[in-house]
C-alpha atoms as a PDB file:
ATOM      1  CA  UNK A   1     -13.036  -6.463  19.269  1.00  0.00           C
ATOM      2  CA  UNK A   2     -10.257  -4.932  17.202  1.00  0.00           C
ATOM      3  CA  UNK A   3      -7.488  -2.108  16.582  1.00  0.00           C
ATOM      4  CA  UNK A   4      -6.994  -1.551  13.014  1.00  0.00           C
ATOM      5  CA  UNK A   5      -3.842   1.492  12.393  1.00  0.00           C
ATOM      6  CA  UNK A   6      -2.971   2.626   8.547  1.00  0.00           C
ATOM      7  CA  UNK A   7      -0.691   4.927   9.174  1.00  0.00           C
ATOM      8  CA  UNK A   8       0.369   6.861   6.114  1.00  0.00           C
ATOM      9  CA  UNK A   9       2.765   9.228   4.955  1.00  0.00           C
ATOM     10  CA  UNK A  10      -0.497  12.090   5.300  1.00  0.00           C
ATOM     11  CA  UNK A  11      -2.570  11.033   7.818  1.00  0.00           C
ATOM     12  CA  UNK A  12      -2.941   7.988  10.510  1.00  0.00           C
ATOM     13  CA  UNK A  13      -6.895   6.286  10.487  1.00  0.00           C
ATOM     14  CA  UNK A  14      -6.942   4.317  13.596  1.00  0.00           C
ATOM     15  CA  UNK A  15     -10.312   2.677  13.713  1.00  0.00           C
ATOM     16  CA  UNK A  16     -11.973   0.114  15.597  1.00  0.00           C
ATOM     17  CA  UNK A  17     -14.437  -2.932  14.245  1.00  0.00           C
ATOM     18  CA  UNK A  18     -14.417  -6.862  12.889  1.00  0.00           C
ATOM     19  CA  UNK A  19     -11.830  -8.759  10.569  1.00  0.00           C
ATOM     20  CA  UNK A  20     -15.341  -8.986   8.617  1.00  0.00           C
ATOM     21  CA  UNK A  21     -14.466  -5.545   8.136  1.00  0.00           C
ATOM     22  CA  UNK A  22     -17.200  -3.600   9.858  1.00  0.00           C
ATOM     23  CA  UNK A  23     -15.857  -0.479  11.896  1.00  0.00           C
ATOM     24  CA  UNK A  24     -17.175   0.878  15.175  1.00  0.00           C
ATOM     25  CA  UNK A  25     -15.534   4.468  14.758  1.00  0.00           C
ATOM     26  CA  UNK A  26     -12.888   5.557  12.847  1.00  0.00           C
ATOM     27  CA  UNK A  27     -11.155   8.438  13.460  1.00  0.00           C
ATOM     28  CA  UNK A  28      -8.175  10.490  10.930  1.00  0.00           C
ATOM     29  CA  UNK A  29      -4.818  11.899  12.590  1.00  0.00           C
ATOM     30  CA  UNK A  30      -2.253  14.527  10.523  1.00  0.00           C
ATOM     31  CA  UNK A  31       0.965  12.493  10.566  1.00  0.00           C
ATOM     32  CA  UNK A  32       3.671  15.302  12.033  1.00  0.00           C
ATOM     33  CA  UNK A  33       6.145  13.584  14.617  1.00  0.00           C
ATOM     34  CA  UNK A  34       5.984  10.006  16.718  1.00  0.00           C
ATOM     35  CA  UNK A  35       5.221  11.838  20.063  1.00  0.00           C
ATOM     36  CA  UNK A  36       2.103  13.684  18.482  1.00  0.00           C
ATOM     37  CA  UNK A  37       0.623  11.610  16.071  1.00  0.00           C
ATOM     38  CA  UNK A  38       1.333   8.699  18.741  1.00  0.00           C
ATOM     39  CA  UNK A  39      -0.105  10.384  21.486  1.00  0.00           C
ATOM     40  CA  UNK A  40      -3.723  11.017  19.317  1.00  0.00           C
ATOM     41  CA  UNK A  41      -4.197   7.134  18.341  1.00  0.00           C
ATOM     42  CA  UNK A  42      -3.504   5.659  21.836  1.00  0.00           C
ATOM     43  CA  UNK A  43      -5.562   8.240  23.440  1.00  0.00           C
ATOM     44  CA  UNK A  44      -8.360   6.442  20.167  1.00  0.00           C
ATOM     45  CA  UNK A  45      -7.619   3.548  21.391  1.00  0.00           C
ATOM     46  CA  UNK A  46      -7.489   3.868  25.237  1.00  0.00           C
ATOM     47  CA  UNK A  47     -11.649   4.003  25.381  1.00  0.00           C
ATOM     48  CA  UNK A  48     -11.952   0.340  24.066  1.00  0.00           C
ATOM     49  CA  UNK A  49     -11.267  -2.905  25.813  1.00  0.00           C
ATOM     50  CA  UNK A  50      -8.762  -4.281  22.378  1.00  0.00           C
ATOM     51  CA  UNK A  51      -8.525  -7.857  21.613  1.00  0.00           C
ATOM     52  CA  UNK A  52      -5.896  -7.067  19.084  1.00  0.00           C
ATOM     53  CA  UNK A  53      -4.978  -4.380  17.303  1.00  0.00           C
ATOM     54  CA  UNK A  54      -3.946  -4.727  13.173  1.00  0.00           C
ATOM     55  CA  UNK A  55      -1.434  -1.927  12.272  1.00  0.00           C
ATOM     56  CA  UNK A  56      -0.515  -1.213   8.174  1.00  0.00           C
ATOM     57  CA  UNK A  57       2.252   1.104   8.290  1.00  0.00           C
ATOM     58  CA  UNK A  58       4.770   3.103   5.215  1.00  0.00           C
ATOM     59  CA  UNK A  59       8.242   2.355   4.952  1.00  0.00           C
ATOM     60  CA  UNK A  60      10.211   0.684   4.254  1.00  0.00           C
ATOM     61  CA  UNK A  61      10.049  -1.324   8.145  1.00  0.00           C
ATOM     62  CA  UNK A  62      11.346  -4.329   9.702  1.00  0.00           C
ATOM     63  CA  UNK A  63       8.337  -6.944   9.567  1.00  0.00           C
ATOM     64  CA  UNK A  64      11.233 -10.126   9.995  1.00  0.00           C
ATOM     65  CA  UNK A  65      10.730 -11.228  13.772  1.00  0.00           C
ATOM     66  CA  UNK A  66      14.306 -12.489  13.861  1.00  0.00           C
ATOM     67  CA  UNK A  67      15.082  -8.946  12.931  1.00  0.00           C
ATOM     68  CA  UNK A  68      16.906  -7.046  16.035  1.00  0.00           C
ATOM     69  CA  UNK A  69      14.761  -3.828  14.162  1.00  0.00           C
ATOM     70  CA  UNK A  70      11.869  -6.056  13.868  1.00  0.00           C
ATOM     71  CA  UNK A  71       8.918  -3.707  14.343  1.00  0.00           C
ATOM     72  CA  UNK A  72      10.482   0.246  13.294  1.00  0.00           C
ATOM     73  CA  UNK A  73      10.194   2.081  10.361  1.00  0.00           C
ATOM     74  CA  UNK A  74      13.502   2.053   8.793  1.00  0.00           C
ATOM     75  CA  UNK A  75      15.574   4.472   6.132  1.00  0.00           C
ATOM     76  CA  UNK A  76      11.750   6.225   5.300  1.00  0.00           C
ATOM     77  CA  UNK A  77      12.593   9.737   3.804  1.00  0.00           C
ATOM     78  CA  UNK A  78       9.684  10.997   6.014  1.00  0.00           C
ATOM     79  CA  UNK A  79      12.787  12.084   8.468  1.00  0.00           C
ATOM     80  CA  UNK A  80      11.015  11.791  12.119  1.00  0.00           C
ATOM     81  CA  UNK A  81      10.033   8.640  11.446  1.00  0.00           C
ATOM     82  CA  UNK A  82      13.074   6.668  10.521  1.00  0.00           C
ATOM     83  CA  UNK A  83      14.309   4.306  12.869  1.00  0.00           C
ATOM     84  CA  UNK A  84      11.502   4.668  14.348  1.00  0.00           C
ATOM     85  CA  UNK A  85       9.677   2.198  17.317  1.00  0.00           C
ATOM     86  CA  UNK A  86       6.186   1.581  15.469  1.00  0.00           C
ATOM     87  CA  UNK A  87       5.824  -1.835  16.948  1.00  0.00           C
ATOM     88  CA  UNK A  88       7.639  -1.143  20.608  1.00  0.00           C
ATOM     89  CA  UNK A  89       5.521   1.795  21.205  1.00  0.00           C
ATOM     90  CA  UNK A  90       2.570  -0.126  21.190  1.00  0.00           C
ATOM     91  CA  UNK A  91       3.039  -2.992  22.928  1.00  0.00           C
ATOM     92  CA  UNK A  92       4.975  -0.227  25.488  1.00  0.00           C
ATOM     93  CA  UNK A  93       0.595   1.208  25.646  1.00  0.00           C
ATOM     94  CA  UNK A  94      -1.284  -2.382  25.238  1.00  0.00           C
ATOM     95  CA  UNK A  95      -0.854  -5.317  26.251  1.00  0.00           C
ATOM     96  CA  UNK A  96      -2.157  -7.245  23.202  1.00  0.00           C
ATOM     97  CA  UNK A  97      -1.035  -8.888  20.036  1.00  0.00           C
ATOM     98  CA  UNK A  98      -0.771  -7.014  18.093  1.00  0.00           C
ATOM     99  CA  UNK A  99       0.419  -7.670  14.027  1.00  0.00           C
ATOM    100  CA  UNK A 100       2.403  -5.261  11.960  1.00  0.00           C
ATOM    101  CA  UNK A 101       3.185  -4.996   8.210  1.00  0.00           C
ATOM    102  CA  UNK A 102       2.967  -2.700   5.378  1.00  0.00           C
ATOM    103  CA  UNK A 103      -0.540  -0.665   4.827  1.00  0.00           C
ATOM    104  CA  UNK A 104       0.053  -2.189   1.310  1.00  0.00           C
ATOM    105  CA  UNK A 105       0.447  -5.405   2.273  1.00  0.00           C
ATOM    106  CA  UNK A 106      -2.152  -4.972   4.100  1.00  0.00           C
ATOM    107  CA  UNK A 107      -3.927  -3.124   1.529  1.00  0.00           C
ATOM    108  CA  UNK A 108      -3.824  -6.440  -0.579  1.00  0.00           C
ATOM    109  CA  UNK A 109      -5.633  -8.970   2.607  1.00  0.00           C
ATOM    110  CA  UNK A 110      -8.326  -6.356   2.447  1.00  0.00           C
ATOM    111  CA  UNK A 111      -9.079  -6.722  -1.510  1.00  0.00           C
ATOM    112  CA  UNK A 112      -8.134 -10.912  -1.237  1.00  0.00           C
ATOM    113  CA  UNK A 113     -10.661 -11.741   1.705  1.00  0.00           C
ATOM    114  CA  UNK A 114     -13.228  -8.917   0.757  1.00  0.00           C
ATOM    115  CA  UNK A 115     -12.648  -7.023  -2.409  1.00  0.00           C
ATOM    116  CA  UNK A 116     -11.751  -7.623  -5.484  1.00  0.00           C
ATOM    117  CA  UNK A 117     -10.087 -10.377  -5.205  1.00  0.00           C
ATOM    118  CA  UNK A 118     -11.908 -12.260  -2.697  1.00  0.00           C
ATOM    119  CA  UNK A 119     -12.492 -15.487  -3.355  1.00  0.00           C
ATOM    120  CA  UNK A 120      -8.644 -16.059  -5.193  1.00  0.00           C
ATOM    121  CA  UNK A 121      -5.960 -17.303  -3.718  1.00  0.00           C
ATOM    122  CA  UNK A 122      -3.282 -14.310  -4.970  1.00  0.00           C
ATOM    123  CA  UNK A 123      -3.438 -11.050  -5.892  1.00  0.00           C
ATOM    124  CA  UNK A 124      -1.638  -7.830  -6.451  1.00  0.00           C
ATOM    125  CA  UNK A 125      -2.923  -4.175  -4.362  1.00  0.00           C
ATOM    126  CA  UNK A 126      -0.379  -1.226  -5.148  1.00  0.00           C
ATOM    127  CA  UNK A 127      -1.170   2.340  -4.920  1.00  0.00           C
ATOM    128  CA  UNK A 128      -0.176   5.423  -6.381  1.00  0.00           C
ATOM    129  CA  UNK A 129      -0.068   8.492  -4.474  1.00  0.00           C
ATOM    130  CA  UNK A 130       2.732   9.725  -2.453  1.00  0.00           C
ATOM    131  CA  UNK A 131       4.713   6.967  -3.337  1.00  0.00           C
ATOM    132  CA  UNK A 132       4.497   4.401  -5.024  1.00  0.00           C
ATOM    133  CA  UNK A 133       4.079   0.773  -2.970  1.00  0.00           C
ATOM    134  CA  UNK A 134       2.345  -3.108  -3.347  1.00  0.00           C
ATOM    135  CA  UNK A 135       1.672  -5.479  -1.961  1.00  0.00           C
ATOM    136  CA  UNK A 136       0.878  -9.060  -2.355  1.00  0.00           C
ATOM    137  CA  UNK A 137      -1.107 -12.638  -2.108  1.00  0.00           C
ATOM    138  CA  UNK A 138      -0.177 -15.077  -2.873  1.00  0.00           C
ATOM    139  CA  UNK A 139      -1.281 -18.672  -2.243  1.00  0.00           C
ATOM    140  CA  UNK A 140      -3.269 -16.623   0.198  1.00  0.00           C
ATOM    141  CA  UNK A 141      -0.546 -15.893   2.182  1.00  0.00           C
ATOM    142  CA  UNK A 142       1.081 -12.341   2.115  1.00  0.00           C
ATOM    143  CA  UNK A 143       4.705 -12.328   0.518  1.00  0.00           C
ATOM    144  CA  UNK A 144       7.545 -11.998   2.651  1.00  0.00           C
ATOM    145  CA  UNK A 145      10.628 -12.356   2.419  1.00  0.00           C
ATOM    146  CA  UNK A 146      14.223 -10.644   3.471  1.00  0.00           C
ATOM    147  CA  UNK A 147      12.409  -8.202   4.050  1.00  0.00           C
ATOM    148  CA  UNK A 148       8.806  -6.811   2.576  1.00  0.00           C
ATOM    149  CA  UNK A 149       8.143  -5.934  -1.206  1.00  0.00           C
ATOM    150  CA  UNK A 150       8.500  -2.454  -3.018  1.00  0.00           C
ATOM    151  CA  UNK A 151       7.911  -2.454  -5.816  1.00  0.00           C
ATOM    152  CA  UNK A 152       7.776   1.005  -6.034  1.00  0.00           C
ATOM    153  CA  UNK A 153      11.350   1.347  -6.476  1.00  0.00           C
ATOM    154  CA  UNK A 154      11.892  -1.241  -9.582  1.00  0.00           C
ATOM    155  CA  UNK A 155      13.237   0.305 -12.579  1.00  0.00           C
ATOM    156  CA  UNK A 156      11.157   1.075 -15.678  1.00  0.00           C
ATOM    157  CA  UNK A 157      12.026   2.473 -19.651  1.00  0.00           C
ATOM    158  CA  UNK A 158      11.633   6.130 -19.668  1.00  0.00           C
ATOM    159  CA  UNK A 159       9.595   7.233 -22.157  1.00  0.00           C
ATOM    160  CA  UNK A 160      11.584   8.565 -25.101  1.00  0.00           C
ATOM    161  CA  UNK A 161       9.443  12.573 -24.630  1.00  0.00           C
ATOM    162  CA  UNK A 162      10.186  12.733 -20.807  1.00  0.00           C
ATOM    163  CA  UNK A 163      13.169  14.512 -19.589  1.00  0.00           C
ATOM    164  CA  UNK A 164      11.534  14.899 -15.906  1.00  0.00           C
ATOM    165  CA  UNK A 165      14.658  13.867 -14.226  1.00  0.00           C
ATOM    166  CA  UNK A 166      13.401  11.999 -11.352  1.00  0.00           C
ATOM    167  CA  UNK A 167      11.494  12.541  -7.538  1.00  0.00           C
ATOM    168  CA  UNK A 168      12.382   9.364  -5.095  1.00  0.00           C
ATOM    169  CA  UNK A 169      15.208  10.802  -2.909  1.00  0.00           C
ATOM    170  CA  UNK A 170      17.178   7.315  -3.272  1.00  0.00           C
ATOM    171  CA  UNK A 171      16.959   5.892  -7.136  1.00  0.00           C
ATOM    172  CA  UNK A 172      16.153   9.479  -9.080  1.00  0.00           C
ATOM    173  CA  UNK A 173      13.998   7.904 -11.856  1.00  0.00           C
ATOM    174  CA  UNK A 174      12.661   4.491 -10.680  1.00  0.00           C
ATOM    175  CA  UNK A 175       9.137   3.918 -11.187  1.00  0.00           C
ATOM    176  CA  UNK A 176       8.247   6.106  -7.936  1.00  0.00           C
ATOM    177  CA  UNK A 177      10.714   8.906  -8.590  1.00  0.00           C
ATOM    178  CA  UNK A 178       8.695   9.261 -12.464  1.00  0.00           C
ATOM    179  CA  UNK A 179       4.712   8.081 -11.950  1.00  0.00           C
ATOM    180  CA  UNK A 180       3.620   9.050  -7.644  1.00  0.00           C
ATOM    181  CA  UNK A 181       2.148  12.553  -7.257  1.00  0.00           C
ATOM    182  CA  UNK A 182       4.839  14.444  -6.348  1.00  0.00           C
ATOM    183  CA  UNK A 183       5.823  13.654  -9.536  1.00  0.00           C
ATOM    184  CA  UNK A 184       3.494  14.493 -11.800  1.00  0.00           C
ATOM    185  CA  UNK A 185       3.410  18.203  -9.668  1.00  0.00           C
ATOM    186  CA  UNK A 186       7.430  18.736 -10.725  1.00  0.00           C
ATOM    187  CA  UNK A 187       7.180  17.540 -14.451  1.00  0.00           C
ATOM    188  CA  UNK A 188       3.697  19.160 -14.996  1.00  0.00           C
ATOM    189  CA  UNK A 189       4.130  21.937 -12.132  1.00  0.00           C
ATOM    190  CA  UNK A 190       1.110  21.306 -11.238  1.00  0.00           C
ATOM    191  CA  UNK A 191      -0.861  18.740  -8.810  1.00  0.00           C
ATOM    192  CA  UNK A 192      -2.264  16.165 -10.510  1.00  0.00           C
ATOM    193  CA  UNK A 193      -6.607  17.400  -9.990  1.00  0.00           C
ATOM    194  CA  UNK A 194      -5.288  20.775 -11.515  1.00  0.00           C
ATOM    195  CA  UNK A 195      -4.262  18.297 -14.748  1.00  0.00           C
ATOM    196  CA  UNK A 196      -7.157  16.287 -15.271  1.00  0.00           C
ATOM    197  CA  UNK A 197      -7.767  17.815 -19.102  1.00  0.00           C
ATOM    198  CA  UNK A 198      -4.139  17.046 -20.103  1.00  0.00           C
ATOM    199  CA  UNK A 199      -4.484  13.673 -21.064  1.00  0.00           C
ATOM    200  CA  UNK A 200      -1.061  13.533 -22.674  1.00  0.00           C
ATOM    201  CA  UNK A 201      -0.851  13.274 -18.179  1.00  0.00           C
ATOM    202  CA  UNK A 202      -2.781  10.434 -17.399  1.00  0.00           C
ATOM    203  CA  UNK A 203      -1.580   8.384 -21.148  1.00  0.00           C
ATOM    204  CA  UNK A 204       2.279   9.245 -19.308  1.00  0.00           C
ATOM    205  CA  UNK A 205       0.996   7.368 -15.897  1.00  0.00           C
ATOM    206  CA  UNK A 206      -0.517   4.546 -18.051  1.00  0.00           C
ATOM    207  CA  UNK A 207       2.997   3.975 -19.908  1.00  0.00           C
ATOM    208  CA  UNK A 208       4.944   3.862 -16.683  1.00  0.00           C
ATOM    209  CA  UNK A 209       2.520   1.644 -14.961  1.00  0.00           C
ATOM    210  CA  UNK A 210       1.727  -0.581 -17.149  1.00  0.00           C
ATOM    211  CA  UNK A 211       5.862  -1.407 -17.848  1.00  0.00           C
ATOM    212  CA  UNK A 212       5.539  -2.314 -13.421  1.00  0.00           C
ATOM    213  CA  UNK A 213       2.441  -4.719 -15.081  1.00  0.00           C
ATOM    214  CA  UNK A 214       4.150  -6.649 -17.302  1.00  0.00           C
ATOM    215  CA  UNK A 215       7.088  -7.530 -14.896  1.00  0.00           C
ATOM    216  CA  UNK A 216       4.974  -8.117 -12.006  1.00  0.00           C
ATOM    217  CA  UNK A 217       2.626  -9.940 -13.457  1.00  0.00           C
ATOM    218  CA  UNK A 218       5.907 -12.294 -14.838  1.00  0.00           C
ATOM    219  CA  UNK A 219       7.320 -12.694 -12.090  1.00  0.00           C
ATOM    220  CA  UNK A 220       4.587 -13.559  -9.834  1.00  0.00           C
ATOM    221  CA  UNK A 221       0.935 -14.257 -11.516  1.00  0.00           C
ATOM    222  CA  UNK A 222      -1.349 -12.566  -9.928  1.00  0.00           C
ATOM    223  CA  UNK A 223      -4.975 -13.705 -10.149  1.00  0.00           C
ATOM    224  CA  UNK A 224      -6.582 -10.160  -9.500  1.00  0.00           C
ATOM    225  CA  UNK A 225      -3.902  -6.861 -10.038  1.00  0.00           C
ATOM    226  CA  UNK A 226      -5.176  -3.465  -7.749  1.00  0.00           C
ATOM    227  CA  UNK A 227      -4.741   0.098  -8.878  1.00  0.00           C
ATOM    228  CA  UNK A 228      -5.372   2.372  -5.864  1.00  0.00           C
ATOM    229  CA  UNK A 229      -4.116   5.909  -4.720  1.00  0.00           C
ATOM    230  CA  UNK A 230      -4.917   9.481  -5.252  1.00  0.00           C
ATOM    231  CA  UNK A 231      -3.299   8.922  -8.032  1.00  0.00           C
ATOM    232  CA  UNK A 232      -5.219   6.830  -9.351  1.00  0.00           C
ATOM    233  CA  UNK A 233      -8.949   7.601  -9.230  1.00  0.00           C
ATOM    234  CA  UNK A 234      -8.049   9.509 -12.303  1.00  0.00           C
ATOM    235  CA  UNK A 235      -9.655   7.129 -13.907  1.00  0.00           C
ATOM    236  CA  UNK A 236      -8.093   7.715 -17.221  1.00  0.00           C
ATOM    237  CA  UNK A 237      -5.037   6.255 -15.718  1.00  0.00           C
ATOM    238  CA  UNK A 238      -6.537   2.223 -16.764  1.00  0.00           C
ATOM    239  CA  UNK A 239      -6.656   2.974 -20.304  1.00  0.00           C
ATOM    240  CA  UNK A 240      -3.676   3.938 -21.441  1.00  0.00           C
ATOM    241  CA  UNK A 241      -2.672   0.545 -18.433  1.00  0.00           C
ATOM    242  CA  UNK A 242      -4.474  -1.071 -21.049  1.00  0.00           C
ATOM    243  CA  UNK A 243      -3.066   0.780 -23.620  1.00  0.00           C
ATOM    244  CA  UNK A 244       0.339  -0.148 -22.871  1.00  0.00           C
ATOM    245  CA  UNK A 245       0.143  -3.732 -21.239  1.00  0.00           C
ATOM    246  CA  UNK A 246      -0.679  -6.098 -24.056  1.00  0.00           C
ATOM    247  CA  UNK A 247       2.033  -3.691 -26.466  1.00  0.00           C
ATOM    248  CA  UNK A 248       4.845  -4.814 -24.002  1.00  0.00           C
ATOM    249  CA  UNK A 249       3.596  -8.270 -23.576  1.00  0.00           C
ATOM    250  CA  UNK A 250       3.806  -9.052 -27.846  1.00  0.00           C
ATOM    251  CA  UNK A 251       1.618 -12.146 -27.318  1.00  0.00           C
ATOM    252  CA  UNK A 252       4.015 -13.279 -25.259  1.00  0.00           C
ATOM    253  CA  UNK A 253       1.692 -14.546 -21.789  1.00  0.00           C
ATOM    254  CA  UNK A 254      -2.113 -14.418 -22.671  1.00  0.00           C
ATOM    255  CA  UNK A 255      -3.503 -11.767 -20.469  1.00  0.00           C
ATOM    256  CA  UNK A 256      -7.252 -12.210 -19.119  1.00  0.00           C
ATOM    257  CA  UNK A 257     -10.362  -9.144 -20.613  1.00  0.00           C
ATOM    258  CA  UNK A 258      -8.358  -6.415 -18.702  1.00  0.00           C
ATOM    259  CA  UNK A 259     -10.919  -4.128 -17.283  1.00  0.00           C
ATOM    260  CA  UNK A 260     -11.685  -7.186 -15.156  1.00  0.00           C
ATOM    261  CA  UNK A 261      -8.391  -8.436 -14.592  1.00  0.00           C
ATOM    262  CA  UNK A 262      -6.773  -4.654 -13.634  1.00  0.00           C
ATOM    263  CA  UNK A 263      -9.341  -3.344 -11.485  1.00  0.00           C
ATOM    264  CA  UNK A 264      -9.894  -0.243  -8.348  1.00  0.00           C
ATOM    265  CA  UNK A 265      -9.752  -1.840  -5.093  1.00  0.00           C
ATOM    266  CA  UNK A 266     -13.411  -3.080  -4.128  1.00  0.00           C
ATOM    267  CA  UNK A 267     -12.958  -2.243  -1.369  1.00  0.00           C
ATOM    268  CA  UNK A 268     -12.489   1.542  -2.077  1.00  0.00           C
ATOM    269  CA  UNK A 269     -10.755   3.726   0.029  1.00  0.00           C
ATOM    270  CA  UNK A 270     -11.304   1.073   3.167  1.00  0.00           C
ATOM    271  CA  UNK A 271      -8.879  -1.422   1.570  1.00  0.00           C
ATOM    272  CA  UNK A 272      -5.919  -0.871   3.946  1.00  0.00           C
ATOM    273  CA  UNK A 273      -8.120  -0.454   7.498  1.00  0.00           C
ATOM    274  CA  UNK A 274      -9.650  -3.372   7.035  1.00  0.00           C
ATOM    275  CA  UNK A 275      -6.552  -4.911   5.903  1.00  0.00           C
ATOM    276  CA  UNK A 276      -5.534  -4.282   8.774  1.00  0.00           C
ATOM    277  CA  UNK A 277      -8.672  -5.265  10.609  1.00  0.00           C
ATOM    278  CA  UNK A 278      -7.824  -8.298   9.626  1.00  0.00           C
ATOM    279  CA  UNK A 279      -4.445  -8.286  10.659  1.00  0.00           C
ATOM    280  CA  UNK A 280      -5.680  -7.192  14.248  1.00  0.00           C
ATOM    281  CA  UNK A 281      -7.913 -11.511  13.675  1.00  0.00           C
ATOM    282  CA  UNK A 282      -4.352 -13.350  12.382  1.00  0.00           C
ATOM    283  CA  UNK A 283      -2.501 -11.597  15.625  1.00  0.00           C
ATOM    284  CA  UNK A 284      -5.167 -12.876  17.869  1.00  0.00           C
ATOM    285  CA  UNK A 285      -5.764 -16.242  16.162  1.00  0.00           C
ATOM    286  CA  UNK A 286      -1.570 -16.851  16.691  1.00  0.00           C
ATOM    287  CA  UNK A 287      -1.466 -16.298  20.087  1.00  0.00           C
ATOM    288  CA  UNK A 288      -4.270 -17.849  20.991  1.00  0.00           C
ATOM    289  CA  UNK A 289      -2.294 -21.466  19.346  1.00  0.00           C
ATOM    290  CA  UNK A 290       0.451 -20.265  21.913  1.00  0.00           C
ATOM    291  CA  UNK A 291      -1.918 -20.527  25.164  1.00  0.00           C
END
């Protein structure tokens, strides 16, 4: 039996289940301050005899096992969690193997094994919500270099009619600064859920996302692209992406049928927690090999 944590900036989803994605129990805990949130997380898992735990966390986080800050949430704008040693807190509470990665990498893993990219050895999972993040599976493995990808902070060309300054705390008008949920609210004066009928909102959203996808496709050439997160629940964004992406590509790269290539998560809102169960399974197997 495995434990899983999908640690988001708004809430922590904790679950117990298996590597097949079958969930026995789950709870949702508000993301407040580490002392409050983590106490509830630990209480939930203490009821079970777990073989391993998988954590998919909001970031940036340090996933380099050779780094002195491995397992920490680092330069997050959520100040109470900045430089918080997430992995160590879990190790102090539980003597089991713990897999630790980003929430979007976990979601990419979940979709590649059980979701929209099942059977493929590469995919890209992008979430657009409170922030913008992306995880990638390349040749069957999660993409990792010096650290994890931070694809939400690439620079995009501003739309000629968009005068919004951008919302990113670090870069102002990067992709996240122009396309995440807080940017929509900052630009239009209302939350996205209250702008459903404003076509210009979602047309602009697709304009920025299509630019990002062009860059990801040219660099990673994923076999499937999965768009998730609260903003992408507005399905009219997909039509805008399908419109702008071929224009941007200009015929340079031949793309598959876009409605089959760029899709919603096959696991719906369970992509992240399912991937975290898989992280737990991987950590368990890795530990077994060392024994």
